[in-house]
PDB file of N, CA and C in Angstrom:
ATOM      1  N   MET A   1      10.407 -18.810 -16.460  1.00  0.00           N
ATOM      2  CA  MET A   1       9.927 -19.931 -15.919  1.00  0.00           C
ATOM      3  C   MET A   1      10.898 -20.364 -14.725  1.00  0.00           C
ATOM      4  N   ILE A   2       9.777 -21.093 -13.680  1.00  0.00           N
ATOM      5  CA  ILE A   2      10.086 -21.141 -12.468  1.00  0.00           C
ATOM      6  C   ILE A   2      11.241 -22.364 -12.436  1.00  0.00           C
ATOM      7  N   ASP A   3      12.087 -22.363 -11.574  1.00  0.00           N
ATOM      8  CA  ASP A   3      12.872 -23.517 -11.316  1.00  0.00           C
ATOM      9  C   ASP A   3      12.574 -24.116  -9.965  1.00  0.00           C
ATOM     10  N   ILE A   4      11.687 -25.399 -10.062  1.00  0.00           N
ATOM     11  CA  ILE A   4      11.316 -26.078  -8.282  1.00  0.00           C
ATOM     12  C   ILE A   4      12.408 -26.011  -7.253  1.00  0.00           C
ATOM     13  N   SER A   5      13.866 -26.401  -8.549  1.00  0.00           N
ATOM     14  CA  SER A   5      14.811 -26.532  -7.248  1.00  0.00           C
ATOM     15  C   SER A   5      15.309 -25.465  -6.773  1.00  0.00           C
ATOM     16  N   GLN A   6      15.140 -23.802  -7.086  1.00  0.00           N
ATOM     17  CA  GLN A   6      15.651 -22.987  -6.542  1.00  0.00           C
ATOM     18  C   GLN A   6      14.743 -21.795  -6.003  1.00  0.00           C
ATOM     19  N   ASP A   7      12.985 -21.945  -6.838  1.00  0.00           N
ATOM     20  CA  ASP A   7      12.418 -20.611  -6.584  1.00  0.00           C
ATOM     21  C   ASP A   7      10.819 -20.743  -5.966  1.00  0.00           C
ATOM     22  N   ILE A   8      11.088 -22.145  -4.636  1.00  0.00           N
ATOM     23  CA  ILE A   8      10.162 -22.044  -4.160  1.00  0.00           C
ATOM     24  C   ILE A   8      10.670 -22.251  -2.598  1.00  0.00           C
ATOM     25  N   HIS A   9      10.164 -21.154  -2.129  1.00  0.00           N
ATOM     26  CA  HIS A   9      10.327 -20.782  -0.659  1.00  0.00           C
ATOM     27  C   HIS A   9       9.487 -20.792   0.528  1.00  0.00           C
ATOM     28  N   PRO A  10       9.677 -20.567   1.727  1.00  0.00           N
ATOM     29  CA  PRO A  10       8.478 -20.343   2.576  1.00  0.00           C
ATOM     30  C   PRO A  10       8.497 -18.966   2.871  1.00  0.00           C
ATOM     31  N   LEU A  11       7.168 -18.268   2.858  1.00  0.00           N
ATOM     32  CA  LEU A  11       6.806 -16.824   3.120  1.00  0.00           C
ATOM     33  C   LEU A  11       7.763 -16.444   4.337  1.00  0.00           C
ATOM     34  N   THR A  12       7.780 -17.393   5.315  1.00  0.00           N
ATOM     35  CA  THR A  12       8.862 -16.506   6.266  1.00  0.00           C
ATOM     36  C   THR A  12      10.264 -16.267   5.906  1.00  0.00           C
ATOM     37  N   ASP A  13      10.743 -17.105   4.926  1.00  0.00           N
ATOM     38  CA  ASP A  13      11.989 -16.678   4.499  1.00  0.00           C
ATOM     39  C   ASP A  13      11.856 -15.313   3.646  1.00  0.00           C
ATOM     40  N   PHE A  14      10.932 -15.358   2.953  1.00  0.00           N
ATOM     41  CA  PHE A  14      10.842 -14.299   2.002  1.00  0.00           C
ATOM     42  C   PHE A  14      10.823 -12.771   2.815  1.00  0.00           C
ATOM     43  N   LYS A  15      10.020 -12.569   3.966  1.00  0.00           N
ATOM     44  CA  LYS A  15       9.667 -11.782   4.995  1.00  0.00           C
ATOM     45  C   LYS A  15      11.171 -11.224   5.244  1.00  0.00           C
ATOM     46  N   ARG A  16      12.296 -12.070   5.622  1.00  0.00           N
ATOM     47  CA  ARG A  16      13.464 -12.192   6.408  1.00  0.00           C
ATOM     48  C   ARG A  16      13.934 -11.422   5.903  1.00  0.00           C
ATOM     49  N   ASN A  17      13.835 -11.931   4.499  1.00  0.00           N
ATOM     50  CA  ASN A  17      15.174 -11.448   3.038  1.00  0.00           C
ATOM     51  C   ASN A  17      14.767 -11.118   1.927  1.00  0.00           C
ATOM     52  N   THR A  18      13.604 -10.110   2.159  1.00  0.00           N
ATOM     53  CA  THR A  18      13.007  -9.506   1.243  1.00  0.00           C
ATOM     54  C   THR A  18      14.050  -8.820  -0.074  1.00  0.00           C
ATOM     55  N   SER A  19      14.949  -8.175   0.395  1.00  0.00           N
ATOM     56  CA  SER A  19      15.423  -7.122  -0.579  1.00  0.00           C
ATOM     57  C   SER A  19      16.259  -8.570  -1.210  1.00  0.00           C
ATOM     58  N   GLU A  20      17.180  -9.828  -0.550  1.00  0.00           N
ATOM     59  CA  GLU A  20      17.422 -10.545  -1.711  1.00  0.00           C
ATOM     60  C   GLU A  20      16.808 -11.180  -2.442  1.00  0.00           C
ATOM     61  N   PHE A  21      15.454 -11.366  -1.962  1.00  0.00           N
ATOM     62  CA  PHE A  21      14.601 -11.827  -3.053  1.00  0.00           C
ATOM     63  C   PHE A  21      14.382 -11.385  -4.186  1.00  0.00           C
ATOM     64  N   VAL A  22      14.032  -9.987  -4.164  1.00  0.00           N
ATOM     65  CA  VAL A  22      13.866  -8.696  -5.243  1.00  0.00           C
ATOM     66  C   VAL A  22      14.868  -8.821  -6.207  1.00  0.00           C
ATOM     67  N   ASN A  23      15.878  -8.914  -5.611  1.00  0.00           N
ATOM     68  CA  ASN A  23      17.430  -8.484  -6.196  1.00  0.00           C
ATOM     69  C   ASN A  23      17.480  -9.718  -7.173  1.00  0.00           C
ATOM     70  N   GLU A  24      16.967 -11.161  -6.717  1.00  0.00           N
ATOM     71  CA  GLU A  24      17.479 -12.316  -7.426  1.00  0.00           C
ATOM     72  C   GLU A  24      16.550 -12.279  -8.593  1.00  0.00           C
ATOM     73  N   MET A  25      14.934 -11.811  -7.718  1.00  0.00           N
ATOM     74  CA  MET A  25      13.954 -12.109  -9.168  1.00  0.00           C
ATOM     75  C   MET A  25      14.520 -10.706 -10.105  1.00  0.00           C
ATOM     76  N   LYS A  26      14.788  -9.833  -9.832  1.00  0.00           N
ATOM     77  CA  LYS A  26      15.394  -8.757 -10.982  1.00  0.00           C
ATOM     78  C   LYS A  26      16.270  -9.533 -11.743  1.00  0.00           C
ATOM     79  N   ARG A  27      17.486  -9.742 -11.403  1.00  0.00           N
ATOM     80  CA  ARG A  27      18.505 -10.633 -11.965  1.00  0.00           C
ATOM     81  C   ARG A  27      18.029 -11.532 -12.891  1.00  0.00           C
ATOM     82  N   THR A  28      16.992 -12.760 -12.266  1.00  0.00           N
ATOM     83  CA  THR A  28      17.090 -14.065 -13.068  1.00  0.00           C
ATOM     84  C   THR A  28      15.711 -13.595 -13.512  1.00  0.00           C
ATOM     85  N   ARG A  29      14.673 -12.940 -13.773  1.00  0.00           N
ATOM     86  CA  ARG A  29      13.413 -12.746 -14.365  1.00  0.00           C
ATOM     87  C   ARG A  29      12.604 -13.585 -13.949  1.00  0.00           C
ATOM     88  N   ARG A  30      12.897 -14.485 -12.888  1.00  0.00           N
ATOM     89  CA  ARG A  30      12.212 -15.396 -12.652  1.00  0.00           C
ATOM     90  C   ARG A  30      11.013 -15.355 -11.426  1.00  0.00           C
ATOM     91  N   PRO A  31       9.878 -15.847 -11.417  1.00  0.00           N
ATOM     92  CA  PRO A  31       9.285 -15.564 -10.002  1.00  0.00           C
ATOM     93  C   PRO A  31       9.408 -16.787  -9.235  1.00  0.00           C
ATOM     94  N   VAL A  32       9.030 -16.346  -8.291  1.00  0.00           N
ATOM     95  CA  VAL A  32       9.325 -16.853  -6.737  1.00  0.00           C
ATOM     96  C   VAL A  32       7.903 -17.583  -6.236  1.00  0.00           C
ATOM     97  N   VAL A  33       7.678 -18.911  -6.097  1.00  0.00           N
ATOM     98  CA  VAL A  33       6.779 -19.106  -5.245  1.00  0.00           C
ATOM     99  C   VAL A  33       6.737 -19.072  -3.848  1.00  0.00           C
ATOM    100  N   LEU A  34       5.931 -18.566  -3.270  1.00  0.00           N
ATOM    101  CA  LEU A  34       6.019 -19.090  -1.576  1.00  0.00           C
ATOM    102  C   LEU A  34       4.993 -19.745  -0.964  1.00  0.00           C
ATOM    103  N   THR A  35       5.528 -20.789  -0.252  1.00  0.00           N
ATOM    104  CA  THR A  35       4.612 -21.673   0.414  1.00  0.00           C
ATOM    105  C   THR A  35       4.256 -21.204   2.193  1.00  0.00           C
ATOM    106  N   VAL A  36       2.863 -21.699   2.376  1.00  0.00           N
ATOM    107  CA  VAL A  36       2.625 -21.272   3.795  1.00  0.00           C
ATOM    108  C   VAL A  36       2.179 -23.141   4.442  1.00  0.00           C
ATOM    109  N   ASN A  37       3.304 -23.434   5.385  1.00  0.00           N
ATOM    110  CA  ASN A  37       2.860 -24.724   5.735  1.00  0.00           C
ATOM    111  C   ASN A  37       3.131 -25.934   4.757  1.00  0.00           C
ATOM    112  N   GLY A  38       3.913 -25.412   3.902  1.00  0.00           N
ATOM    113  CA  GLY A  38       4.684 -26.641   2.845  1.00  0.00           C
ATOM    114  C   GLY A  38       3.605 -26.280   1.428  1.00  0.00           C
ATOM    115  N   LYS A  39       2.865 -25.483   1.573  1.00  0.00           N
ATOM    116  CA  LYS A  39       1.634 -25.587   0.201  1.00  0.00           C
ATOM    117  C   LYS A  39       1.784 -24.243  -0.312  1.00  0.00           C
ATOM    118  N   ALA A  40       1.965 -23.994  -1.875  1.00  0.00           N
ATOM    119  CA  ALA A  40       1.957 -22.892  -2.519  1.00  0.00           C
ATOM    120  C   ALA A  40       0.558 -21.995  -1.965  1.00  0.00           C
ATOM    121  N   GLU A  41       1.509 -20.814  -1.910  1.00  0.00           N
ATOM    122  CA  GLU A  41       0.266 -19.830  -1.553  1.00  0.00           C
ATOM    123  C   GLU A  41       0.021 -18.287  -2.667  1.00  0.00           C
ATOM    124  N   LEU A  42       1.373 -18.328  -3.076  1.00  0.00           N
ATOM    125  CA  LEU A  42       1.701 -16.629  -3.806  1.00  0.00           C
ATOM    126  C   LEU A  42       2.948 -17.300  -4.512  1.00  0.00           C
ATOM    127  N   VAL A  43       2.720 -16.332  -5.718  1.00  0.00           N
ATOM    128  CA  VAL A  43       3.582 -16.217  -6.452  1.00  0.00           C
ATOM    129  C   VAL A  43       4.014 -14.732  -6.605  1.00  0.00           C
ATOM    130  N   VAL A  44       5.414 -14.667  -6.624  1.00  0.00           N
ATOM    131  CA  VAL A  44       6.103 -13.021  -6.416  1.00  0.00           C
ATOM    132  C   VAL A  44       6.767 -12.936  -7.799  1.00  0.00           C
ATOM    133  N   GLN A  45       6.673 -11.809  -8.439  1.00  0.00           N
ATOM    134  CA  GLN A  45       7.537 -11.710  -9.336  1.00  0.00           C
ATOM    135  C   GLN A  45       8.046  -9.991  -9.814  1.00  0.00           C
ATOM    136  N   ASP A  46       8.980  -9.728 -10.269  1.00  0.00           N
ATOM    137  CA  ASP A  46       9.332  -8.116 -10.524  1.00  0.00           C
ATOM    138  C   ASP A  46       8.403  -7.971 -11.412  1.00  0.00           C
ATOM    139  N   ALA A  47       7.973  -6.536 -11.679  1.00  0.00           N
ATOM    140  CA  ALA A  47       6.820  -5.701 -12.280  1.00  0.00           C
ATOM    141  C   ALA A  47       7.333  -5.825 -13.706  1.00  0.00           C
ATOM    142  N   ALA A  48       8.539  -5.879 -14.273  1.00  0.00           N
ATOM    143  CA  ALA A  48       8.727  -6.183 -15.724  1.00  0.00           C
ATOM    144  C   ALA A  48       8.498  -7.332 -16.373  1.00  0.00           C
ATOM    145  N   SER A  49       8.477  -8.208 -15.204  1.00  0.00           N
ATOM    146  CA  SER A  49       8.542  -9.470 -16.023  1.00  0.00           C
ATOM    147  C   SER A  49       6.789  -9.680 -16.240  1.00  0.00           C
ATOM    148  N   TYR A  50       6.244  -9.496 -14.704  1.00  0.00           N
ATOM    149  CA  TYR A  50       4.859  -9.415 -14.993  1.00  0.00           C
ATOM    150  C   TYR A  50       4.140  -8.965 -15.855  1.00  0.00           C
ATOM    151  N   GLN A  51       4.641  -7.312 -16.370  1.00  0.00           N
ATOM    152  CA  GLN A  51       4.347  -6.567 -17.757  1.00  0.00           C
ATOM    153  C   GLN A  51       4.296  -7.335 -19.011  1.00  0.00           C
ATOM    154  N   GLY A  52       5.382  -8.112 -18.997  1.00  0.00           N
ATOM    155  CA  GLY A  52       6.015  -8.770 -20.326  1.00  0.00           C
ATOM    156  C   GLY A  52       4.862  -9.899 -20.222  1.00  0.00           C
ATOM    157  N   MET A  53       4.624 -10.616 -19.169  1.00  0.00           N
ATOM    158  CA  MET A  53       3.458 -11.774 -19.313  1.00  0.00           C
ATOM    159  C   MET A  53       2.556 -11.443 -19.555  1.00  0.00           C
ATOM    160  N   LEU A  54       1.918  -9.699 -19.336  1.00  0.00           N
ATOM    161  CA  LEU A  54      -0.024  -9.530 -19.702  1.00  0.00           C
ATOM    162  C   LEU A  54       0.398  -9.065 -20.986  1.00  0.00           C
ATOM    163  N   ASP A  55       1.605  -8.259 -21.702  1.00  0.00           N
ATOM    164  CA  ASP A  55       2.008  -8.410 -23.053  1.00  0.00           C
ATOM    165  C   ASP A  55       1.469  -9.418 -24.000  1.00  0.00           C
ATOM    166  N   ARG A  56       2.006 -10.645 -23.441  1.00  0.00           N
ATOM    167  CA  ARG A  56       2.247 -11.769 -24.546  1.00  0.00           C
ATOM    168  C   ARG A  56       0.545 -12.314 -24.319  1.00  0.00           C
ATOM    169  N   LEU A  57      -0.161 -12.721 -23.199  1.00  0.00           N
ATOM    170  CA  LEU A  57      -1.098 -12.765 -22.994  1.00  0.00           C
ATOM    171  C   LEU A  57      -2.471 -11.780 -23.571  1.00  0.00           C
ATOM    172  N   ALA A  58      -2.086 -10.770 -23.646  1.00  0.00           N
ATOM    173  CA  ALA A  58      -3.112  -9.679 -24.896  1.00  0.00           C
ATOM    174  C   ALA A  58      -2.806 -10.143 -26.036  1.00  0.00           C
ATOM    175  N   ARG A  59      -1.566 -10.226 -26.277  1.00  0.00           N
ATOM    176  CA  ARG A  59      -1.187 -10.655 -27.903  1.00  0.00           C
ATOM    177  C   ARG A  59      -1.949 -12.211 -28.170  1.00  0.00           C
ATOM    178  N   LEU A  60      -2.070 -12.785 -27.279  1.00  0.00           N
ATOM    179  CA  LEU A  60      -2.475 -14.406 -27.834  1.00  0.00           C
ATOM    180  C   LEU A  60      -4.015 -14.205 -27.736  1.00  0.00           C
ATOM    181  N   GLU A  61      -4.748 -13.568 -26.784  1.00  0.00           N
ATOM    182  CA  GLU A  61      -5.583 -13.463 -26.755  1.00  0.00           C
ATOM    183  C   GLU A  61      -6.416 -12.600 -28.282  1.00  0.00           C
ATOM    184  N   ALA A  62      -5.454 -11.704 -28.555  1.00  0.00           N
ATOM    185  CA  ALA A  62      -6.161 -10.753 -29.866  1.00  0.00           C
ATOM    186  C   ALA A  62      -5.738 -12.095 -31.011  1.00  0.00           C
ATOM    187  N   VAL A  63      -4.987 -12.990 -31.141  1.00  0.00           N
ATOM    188  CA  VAL A  63      -4.735 -13.802 -32.246  1.00  0.00           C
ATOM    189  C   VAL A  63      -5.920 -14.950 -31.942  1.00  0.00           C
ATOM    190  N   GLU A  64      -6.531 -14.991 -31.009  1.00  0.00           N
ATOM    191  CA  GLU A  64      -7.410 -16.110 -31.146  1.00  0.00           C
ATOM    192  C   GLU A  64      -8.366 -15.677 -31.261  1.00  0.00           C
ATOM    193  N   ALA A  65      -9.057 -13.858 -31.401  1.00  0.00           N
ATOM    194  CA  ALA A  65     -10.018 -13.511 -31.610  1.00  0.00           C
ATOM    195  C   ALA A  65     -10.085 -13.384 -33.099  1.00  0.00           C
ATOM    196  N   ILE A  66      -8.673 -13.342 -33.531  1.00  0.00           N
ATOM    197  CA  ILE A  66      -8.414 -13.080 -35.125  1.00  0.00           C
ATOM    198  C   ILE A  66      -8.879 -14.432 -35.736  1.00  0.00           C
ATOM    199  N   ARG A  67      -8.400 -15.393 -34.985  1.00  0.00           N
ATOM    200  CA  ARG A  67      -8.853 -16.695 -35.638  1.00  0.00           C
ATOM    201  C   ARG A  67     -10.414 -16.861 -35.624  1.00  0.00           C
ATOM    202  N   VAL A  68     -10.678 -16.740 -34.666  1.00  0.00           N
ATOM    203  CA  VAL A  68     -12.383 -17.377 -34.505  1.00  0.00           C
ATOM    204  C   VAL A  68     -13.026 -16.316 -35.639  1.00  0.00           C
ATOM    205  N   GLY A  69     -12.469 -15.263 -35.581  1.00  0.00           N
ATOM    206  CA  GLY A  69     -13.162 -14.172 -36.338  1.00  0.00           C
ATOM    207  C   GLY A  69     -13.058 -15.054 -37.849  1.00  0.00           C
ATOM    208  N   ILE A  70     -11.795 -15.176 -38.556  1.00  0.00           N
ATOM    209  CA  ILE A  70     -11.554 -15.970 -39.766  1.00  0.00           C
ATOM    210  C   ILE A  70     -12.761 -17.293 -39.914  1.00  0.00           C
ATOM    211  N   VAL A  71     -12.508 -18.121 -38.923  1.00  0.00           N
ATOM    212  CA  VAL A  71     -13.243 -19.611 -38.637  1.00  0.00           C
ATOM    213  C   VAL A  71     -15.095 -19.035 -38.891  1.00  0.00           C
ATOM    214  N   ALA A  72     -15.323 -17.912 -38.478  1.00  0.00           N
ATOM    215  CA  ALA A  72     -16.635 -17.271 -38.574  1.00  0.00           C
ATOM    216  C   ALA A  72     -16.796 -16.687 -40.119  1.00  0.00           C
ATOM    217  N   ALA A  73     -16.032 -16.200 -40.791  1.00  0.00           N
ATOM    218  CA  ALA A  73     -16.343 -15.914 -42.016  1.00  0.00           C
ATOM    219  C   ALA A  73     -16.019 -16.754 -42.758  1.00  0.00           C
ATOM    220  N   GLU A  74     -15.205 -17.833 -42.716  1.00  0.00           N
ATOM    221  CA  GLU A  74     -15.192 -18.985 -43.584  1.00  0.00           C
ATOM    222  C   GLU A  74     -16.515 -19.751 -43.506  1.00  0.00           C
ATOM    223  N   GLU A  75     -17.108 -19.967 -42.316  1.00  0.00           N
ATOM    224  CA  GLU A  75     -18.518 -20.542 -42.092  1.00  0.00           C
ATOM    225  C   GLU A  75     -19.408 -19.447 -42.710  1.00  0.00           C
ATOM    226  N   GLY A  76     -19.372 -18.700 -43.265  1.00  0.00           N
ATOM    227  CA  GLY A  76     -20.458 -17.573 -43.436  1.00  0.00           C
ATOM    228  C   GLY A  76     -21.405 -17.056 -41.954  1.00  0.00           C
ATOM    229  N   ARG A  77     -20.800 -16.838 -41.068  1.00  0.00           N
ATOM    230  CA  ARG A  77     -21.506 -16.646 -40.036  1.00  0.00           C
ATOM    231  C   ARG A  77     -21.322 -15.405 -39.759  1.00  0.00           C
ATOM    232  N   VAL A  78     -21.162 -14.321 -40.766  1.00  0.00           N
ATOM    233  CA  VAL A  78     -21.268 -12.834 -40.521  1.00  0.00           C
ATOM    234  C   VAL A  78     -21.651 -11.908 -41.559  1.00  0.00           C
ATOM    235  N   LYS A  79     -22.128 -10.774 -41.190  1.00  0.00           N
ATOM    236  CA  LYS A  79     -22.931  -9.576 -42.099  1.00  0.00           C
ATOM    237  C   LYS A  79     -22.117  -8.700 -42.211  1.00  0.00           C
ATOM    238  N   PRO A  80     -22.616  -8.006 -43.135  1.00  0.00           N
ATOM    239  CA  PRO A  80     -21.952  -6.780 -43.923  1.00  0.00           C
ATOM    240  C   PRO A  80     -22.144  -5.430 -42.263  1.00  0.00           C
ATOM    241  N   ALA A  81     -21.046  -5.027 -42.181  1.00  0.00           N
ATOM    242  CA  ALA A  81     -21.136  -4.158 -40.811  1.00  0.00           C
ATOM    243  C   ALA A  81     -22.322  -3.014 -40.662  1.00  0.00           C
ATOM    244  N   ARG A  82     -22.142  -2.289 -42.152  1.00  0.00           N
ATOM    245  CA  ARG A  82     -23.940  -1.635 -41.767  1.00  0.00           C
ATOM    246  C   ARG A  82     -24.878  -1.953 -41.537  1.00  0.00           C
ATOM    247  N   LYS A  83     -25.372  -3.389 -41.897  1.00  0.00           N
ATOM    248  CA  LYS A  83     -26.338  -4.478 -41.221  1.00  0.00           C
ATOM    249  C   LYS A  83     -26.248  -4.392 -39.800  1.00  0.00           C
ATOM    250  N   ALA A  84     -25.094  -5.120 -39.426  1.00  0.00           N
ATOM    251  CA  ALA A  84     -24.768  -5.595 -37.828  1.00  0.00           C
ATOM    252  C   ALA A  84     -25.019  -3.850 -37.265  1.00  0.00           C
ATOM    253  N   LEU A  85     -24.496  -3.229 -37.456  1.00  0.00           N
ATOM    254  CA  LEU A  85     -24.636  -1.716 -36.709  1.00  0.00           C
ATOM    255  C   LEU A  85     -25.922  -1.242 -36.281  1.00  0.00           C
ATOM    256  N   ALA A  86     -27.144  -1.306 -37.676  1.00  0.00           N
ATOM    257  CA  ALA A  86     -28.065  -0.975 -37.784  1.00  0.00           C
ATOM    258  C   ALA A  86     -28.921  -1.915 -36.797  1.00  0.00           C
ATOM    259  N   GLU A  87     -28.551  -2.411 -37.095  1.00  0.00           N
ATOM    260  CA  GLU A  87     -29.508  -4.238 -35.954  1.00  0.00           C
ATOM    261  C   GLU A  87     -28.831  -3.131 -34.394  1.00  0.00           C
ATOM    262  N   LEU A  88     -27.866  -3.139 -34.023  1.00  0.00           N
ATOM    263  CA  LEU A  88     -27.633  -2.621 -33.129  1.00  0.00           C
ATOM    264  C   LEU A  88     -28.033  -1.441 -32.302  1.00  0.00           C
ATOM    265  N   ARG A  89     -28.420  -0.696 -33.214  1.00  0.00           N
ATOM    266  CA  ARG A  89     -29.053   0.562 -32.962  1.00  0.00           C
ATOM    267  C   ARG A  89     -30.209   0.540 -32.693  1.00  0.00           C
ATOM    268  N   GLU A  90     -31.215  -0.473 -33.497  1.00  0.00           N
ATOM    269  CA  GLU A  90     -32.346  -0.709 -33.319  1.00  0.00           C
ATOM    270  C   GLU A  90     -32.516  -1.240 -32.044  1.00  0.00           C
ATOM    271  N   LYS A  91     -31.496  -2.256 -31.713  1.00  0.00           N
ATOM    272  CA  LYS A  91     -31.746  -3.247 -30.469  1.00  0.00           C
ATOM    273  C   LYS A  91     -31.312  -2.283 -29.182  1.00  0.00           C
ATOM    274  N   LEU A  92     -30.579  -1.640 -29.197  1.00  0.00           N
ATOM    275  CA  LEU A  92     -30.126  -0.550 -28.286  1.00  0.00           C
ATOM    276  C   LEU A  92     -31.583   0.635 -28.413  1.00  0.00           C
ATOM    277  N   GLY A  93     -31.746   0.775 -29.062  1.00  0.00           N
ATOM    278  CA  GLY A  93     -33.021   2.011 -29.504  1.00  0.00           C
ATOM    279  C   GLY A  93     -32.042   3.241 -29.671  1.00  0.00           C
ATOM    280  N   ILE A  94     -31.066   3.620 -30.484  1.00  0.00           N
ATOM    281  CA  ILE A  94     -29.921   4.684 -30.652  1.00  0.00           C
ATOM    282  C   ILE A  94     -30.472   5.152 -31.818  1.00  0.00           C
ATOM    283  N   SER A  95     -30.969   6.336 -31.836  1.00  0.00           N
ATOM    284  CA  SER A  95     -31.627   6.958 -33.223  1.00  0.00           C
ATOM    285  C   SER A  95     -30.028   7.600 -34.064  1.00  0.00           C
ATOM    286  N   ARG A  96     -30.280   7.823 -35.410  1.00  0.00           N
ATOM    287  CA  ARG A  96     -29.343   8.046 -36.283  1.00  0.00           C
ATOM    288  C   ARG A  96     -28.748   9.612 -35.881  1.00  0.00           C
TER     289      ARG A  96
END
């Protein structure tokens, strides 16, 4: 989570003190918002934290897809796999 009192800095400060910023990001696991002319332009974070965020997002997307599938099944908007695959083969012109 970003701490707005500590994690927002001008890009020029980041350029001048990159190694200190990198060390702090690794220590805190918090991203840094970099500004240009007072406006947020970039967000920088350590690779491990970024990967963790991508992993959590992938899990959330999988859970949502499962939820949508369950709702579709409950509403009867499903068909047997053999029938669906046969329809796809026919549509795509794939022979058995």
